[in-house]
């Protein structure tokens, strides 16, 4: 009997249940307090944090593996790691 309730809300005597069903489906997605939106926002935030952490790890890995045969390798490596960590602060 949901069709009778929707008709009493001002939709008239429409006999097209497809349009009524489409309206019911679209309303929850469009509300600003949808529980799905908060879930997606939380997941996006977590994903952005993980991407940032992986990019930092990649920079450190590149610094570690670059120029392994160089005599001043460890000095430069420590300086580059320090630069990376200072940039994140």
N, C-alpha and C. Protein backbone atom coordinates (compact mmCIF):
# COMPACT_ATOMS: atom_id res chain seq x y z
N UNK A 1 0.79 -1.21 0.00
CA UNK A 1 0.00 0.00 0.00
C UNK A 1 0.84 1.28 0.00
N UNK A 2 2.15 1.26 -0.28
CA UNK A 2 2.91 2.50 -0.29
C UNK A 2 2.46 3.45 -1.39
N UNK A 3 1.87 2.91 -2.47
CA UNK A 3 1.41 3.79 -3.55
C UNK A 3 0.27 4.69 -3.07
N UNK A 4 -0.59 4.17 -2.22
CA UNK A 4 -1.69 4.99 -1.71
C UNK A 4 -1.16 6.14 -0.86
N UNK A 5 -0.13 5.90 -0.08
CA UNK A 5 0.44 6.96 0.74
C UNK A 5 1.05 8.04 -0.13
N UNK A 6 1.76 7.64 -1.20
CA UNK A 6 2.38 8.65 -2.06
C UNK A 6 1.34 9.43 -2.84
N UNK A 7 0.22 8.81 -3.16
CA UNK A 7 -0.84 9.53 -3.86
C UNK A 7 -1.47 10.57 -2.94
N UNK A 8 -1.56 10.26 -1.67
CA UNK A 8 -2.18 11.22 -0.75
C UNK A 8 -1.25 12.40 -0.48
N UNK A 9 0.00 12.33 -0.90
CA UNK A 9 0.93 13.43 -0.70
C UNK A 9 0.92 14.41 -1.85
N UNK A 10 -0.01 14.30 -2.74
CA UNK A 10 -0.14 15.29 -3.79
C UNK A 10 0.32 14.83 -5.16
N UNK A 11 0.54 13.55 -5.37
CA UNK A 11 0.96 13.09 -6.67
C UNK A 11 -0.23 12.74 -7.55
N UNK A 12 -1.42 12.89 -7.07
CA UNK A 12 -2.61 12.62 -7.87
C UNK A 12 -2.85 11.14 -8.03
N UNK A 13 -3.59 10.79 -9.08
CA UNK A 13 -3.92 9.40 -9.34
C UNK A 13 -3.00 8.82 -10.39
N UNK A 14 -1.74 9.05 -10.29
CA UNK A 14 -0.77 8.53 -11.26
C UNK A 14 -0.73 7.01 -11.16
N UNK A 15 -0.74 6.36 -12.30
CA UNK A 15 -0.70 4.90 -12.32
C UNK A 15 0.67 4.40 -12.74
N UNK A 16 1.67 5.26 -12.77
CA UNK A 16 3.02 4.85 -13.17
C UNK A 16 3.86 4.61 -11.91
N UNK A 17 3.92 3.37 -11.45
CA UNK A 17 4.68 3.08 -10.23
C UNK A 17 6.18 3.28 -10.42
N UNK A 18 6.67 3.25 -11.66
CA UNK A 18 8.10 3.45 -11.89
C UNK A 18 8.54 4.83 -11.42
N UNK A 19 7.76 5.86 -11.73
CA UNK A 19 8.15 7.21 -11.33
C UNK A 19 8.08 7.37 -9.82
N UNK A 20 7.14 6.71 -9.19
CA UNK A 20 7.04 6.78 -7.74
C UNK A 20 8.24 6.08 -7.11
N UNK A 21 8.61 4.92 -7.63
CA UNK A 21 9.75 4.20 -7.10
C UNK A 21 11.05 4.98 -7.31
N UNK A 22 11.20 5.62 -8.46
CA UNK A 22 12.41 6.39 -8.73
C UNK A 22 12.52 7.56 -7.77
N UNK A 23 11.42 8.19 -7.43
CA UNK A 23 11.44 9.30 -6.49
C UNK A 23 11.84 8.81 -5.10
N UNK A 24 11.37 7.65 -4.71
CA UNK A 24 11.72 7.10 -3.40
C UNK A 24 13.20 6.74 -3.33
N UNK A 25 13.75 6.25 -4.42
CA UNK A 25 15.15 5.86 -4.44
C UNK A 25 16.05 7.10 -4.43
N UNK A 26 15.67 8.14 -5.14
CA UNK A 26 16.51 9.33 -5.28
C UNK A 26 16.56 10.16 -4.00
N UNK A 27 15.52 10.17 -3.20
CA UNK A 27 15.49 11.04 -2.02
C UNK A 27 16.59 10.71 -1.00
N UNK A 28 16.82 9.45 -0.61
CA UNK A 28 17.85 9.20 0.39
C UNK A 28 19.26 9.57 -0.08
N UNK A 29 19.53 9.46 -1.37
CA UNK A 29 20.85 9.77 -1.87
C UNK A 29 21.10 11.27 -1.85
N UNK A 30 20.07 12.08 -2.02
CA UNK A 30 20.22 13.51 -2.12
C UNK A 30 20.28 14.21 -0.77
N UNK A 31 19.93 13.56 0.30
CA UNK A 31 19.95 14.22 1.60
C UNK A 31 21.38 14.41 2.07
N UNK A 32 21.62 15.50 2.79
CA UNK A 32 22.97 15.80 3.25
C UNK A 32 23.37 14.96 4.45
N UNK A 33 22.42 14.39 5.16
CA UNK A 33 22.74 13.60 6.34
C UNK A 33 22.69 12.10 6.05
N UNK A 34 22.92 11.73 4.82
CA UNK A 34 22.90 10.33 4.44
C UNK A 34 24.04 9.59 5.13
N UNK A 35 23.76 8.42 5.70
CA UNK A 35 24.84 7.67 6.36
C UNK A 35 25.91 7.23 5.37
N UNK A 36 25.55 7.06 4.12
CA UNK A 36 26.54 6.66 3.12
C UNK A 36 27.56 7.76 2.89
N UNK A 37 27.12 9.01 2.92
CA UNK A 37 28.05 10.12 2.69
C UNK A 37 29.09 10.20 3.79
N UNK A 38 28.70 9.96 5.02
CA UNK A 38 29.68 10.00 6.11
C UNK A 38 30.65 8.83 6.00
N UNK A 39 30.16 7.68 5.55
CA UNK A 39 31.04 6.52 5.36
C UNK A 39 32.04 6.81 4.25
N UNK A 40 31.56 7.35 3.12
CA UNK A 40 32.45 7.67 2.01
C UNK A 40 33.46 8.74 2.40
N UNK A 41 33.03 9.73 3.16
CA UNK A 41 33.95 10.78 3.60
C UNK A 41 35.05 10.20 4.49
N UNK A 42 34.67 9.30 5.38
CA UNK A 42 35.65 8.67 6.26
C UNK A 42 36.63 7.82 5.47
N UNK A 43 36.11 7.04 4.52
CA UNK A 43 36.99 6.20 3.70
C UNK A 43 37.92 7.05 2.84
N UNK A 44 37.41 8.14 2.29
CA UNK A 44 38.26 9.02 1.48
C UNK A 44 39.37 9.63 2.32
N UNK A 45 39.03 10.04 3.54
CA UNK A 45 40.04 10.62 4.43
C UNK A 45 41.13 9.59 4.75
N UNK A 46 40.72 8.36 5.07
CA UNK A 46 41.69 7.30 5.36
C UNK A 46 42.56 7.01 4.15
N UNK A 47 41.94 6.98 2.97
CA UNK A 47 42.69 6.72 1.75
C UNK A 47 43.71 7.82 1.47
N UNK A 48 43.32 9.07 1.67
CA UNK A 48 44.24 10.18 1.46
C UNK A 48 45.43 10.10 2.42
N UNK A 49 45.18 9.71 3.66
CA UNK A 49 46.28 9.56 4.63
C UNK A 49 47.23 8.46 4.20
N UNK A 50 46.68 7.33 3.75
CA UNK A 50 47.53 6.22 3.33
C UNK A 50 48.34 6.57 2.08
N UNK A 51 47.74 7.27 1.15
CA UNK A 51 48.46 7.70 -0.06
C UNK A 51 49.61 8.63 0.33
N UNK A 52 49.36 9.54 1.25
CA UNK A 52 50.40 10.46 1.70
C UNK A 52 51.55 9.68 2.36
N UNK A 53 51.21 8.72 3.22
CA UNK A 53 52.24 7.93 3.89
C UNK A 53 53.05 7.12 2.89
N UNK A 54 52.38 6.55 1.89
CA UNK A 54 53.09 5.78 0.87
C UNK A 54 54.01 6.67 0.04
N UNK A 55 53.59 7.89 -0.23
CA UNK A 55 54.45 8.79 -1.00
C UNK A 55 55.69 9.15 -0.19
N UNK A 56 55.55 9.31 1.12
CA UNK A 56 56.71 9.57 1.97
C UNK A 56 57.65 8.36 1.99
N UNK A 57 57.09 7.17 2.10
CA UNK A 57 57.90 5.96 2.09
C UNK A 57 58.62 5.80 0.75
N UNK A 58 57.96 6.16 -0.33
CA UNK A 58 58.59 6.08 -1.65
C UNK A 58 59.77 7.04 -1.76
N UNK A 59 59.61 8.25 -1.25
CA UNK A 59 60.72 9.21 -1.27
C UNK A 59 61.92 8.69 -0.48
N UNK A 60 61.66 8.09 0.66
CA UNK A 60 62.74 7.55 1.48
C UNK A 60 63.40 6.37 0.77
N UNK A 61 62.59 5.49 0.17
CA UNK A 61 63.15 4.35 -0.55
C UNK A 61 64.01 4.80 -1.73
N UNK A 62 63.57 5.83 -2.43
CA UNK A 62 64.38 6.35 -3.53
C UNK A 62 65.69 6.93 -3.02
N UNK A 63 65.62 7.61 -1.88
CA UNK A 63 66.84 8.18 -1.31
C UNK A 63 67.81 7.08 -0.87
N UNK A 64 67.27 5.98 -0.35
CA UNK A 64 68.12 4.89 0.12
C UNK A 64 68.80 4.17 -1.04
N UNK A 65 68.09 3.95 -2.11
CA UNK A 65 68.62 3.14 -3.20
C UNK A 65 69.41 3.94 -4.24
N UNK A 66 69.39 5.24 -4.13
CA UNK A 66 70.10 6.07 -5.11
C UNK A 66 71.59 6.12 -4.79
N UNK A 67 72.41 5.93 -5.77
CA UNK A 67 73.87 6.09 -5.66
C UNK A 67 74.48 5.30 -4.51
N UNK A 68 74.26 4.00 -4.48
CA UNK A 68 74.79 3.17 -3.40
C UNK A 68 76.31 3.11 -3.40
N UNK A 69 76.96 3.34 -4.54
CA UNK A 69 78.42 3.24 -4.63
C UNK A 69 79.13 4.55 -4.28
N UNK A 70 78.39 5.60 -4.04
CA UNK A 70 78.99 6.90 -3.76
C UNK A 70 79.61 6.91 -2.35
N UNK A 71 80.75 7.61 -2.20
CA UNK A 71 81.46 7.65 -0.92
C UNK A 71 80.69 8.45 0.14
N UNK A 72 80.02 9.50 -0.26
CA UNK A 72 79.27 10.33 0.69
C UNK A 72 77.80 9.92 0.77
N UNK A 73 77.55 8.67 0.47
CA UNK A 73 76.17 8.18 0.39
C UNK A 73 75.41 8.38 1.70
N UNK A 74 75.98 7.93 2.80
CA UNK A 74 75.25 7.97 4.07
C UNK A 74 75.02 9.40 4.55
N UNK A 75 75.96 10.28 4.28
CA UNK A 75 75.77 11.68 4.66
C UNK A 75 74.60 12.29 3.91
N UNK A 76 74.58 12.05 2.60
CA UNK A 76 73.48 12.58 1.79
C UNK A 76 72.17 11.90 2.14
N UNK A 77 72.22 10.59 2.39
CA UNK A 77 71.01 9.85 2.75
C UNK A 77 70.37 10.43 4.00
N UNK A 78 71.17 10.67 5.02
CA UNK A 78 70.63 11.24 6.26
C UNK A 78 70.08 12.64 6.01
N UNK A 79 70.77 13.42 5.20
CA UNK A 79 70.30 14.78 4.90
C UNK A 79 68.98 14.74 4.14
N UNK A 80 68.86 13.82 3.18
CA UNK A 80 67.62 13.73 2.40
C UNK A 80 66.46 13.24 3.28
N UNK A 81 66.73 12.28 4.14
CA UNK A 81 65.67 11.80 5.05
C UNK A 81 65.24 12.92 5.99
N UNK A 82 66.21 13.69 6.45
CA UNK A 82 65.88 14.82 7.32
C UNK A 82 65.03 15.83 6.57
N UNK A 83 65.36 16.09 5.31
CA UNK A 83 64.56 17.02 4.49
C UNK A 83 63.13 16.53 4.33
N UNK A 84 62.98 15.22 4.10
CA UNK A 84 61.64 14.65 3.93
C UNK A 84 60.83 14.81 5.21
N UNK A 85 61.42 14.49 6.33
CA UNK A 85 60.69 14.58 7.59
C UNK A 85 60.41 16.02 7.98
N UNK A 86 61.33 16.93 7.70
CA UNK A 86 61.07 18.34 7.99
C UNK A 86 59.95 18.88 7.11
N UNK A 87 59.85 18.38 5.90
CA UNK A 87 58.79 18.84 4.99
C UNK A 87 57.42 18.38 5.46
N UNK A 88 57.37 17.29 6.19
CA UNK A 88 56.07 16.78 6.66
C UNK A 88 55.60 17.47 7.92
N UNK A 89 56.49 18.16 8.59
CA UNK A 89 56.12 18.82 9.86
C UNK A 89 55.47 20.15 9.60
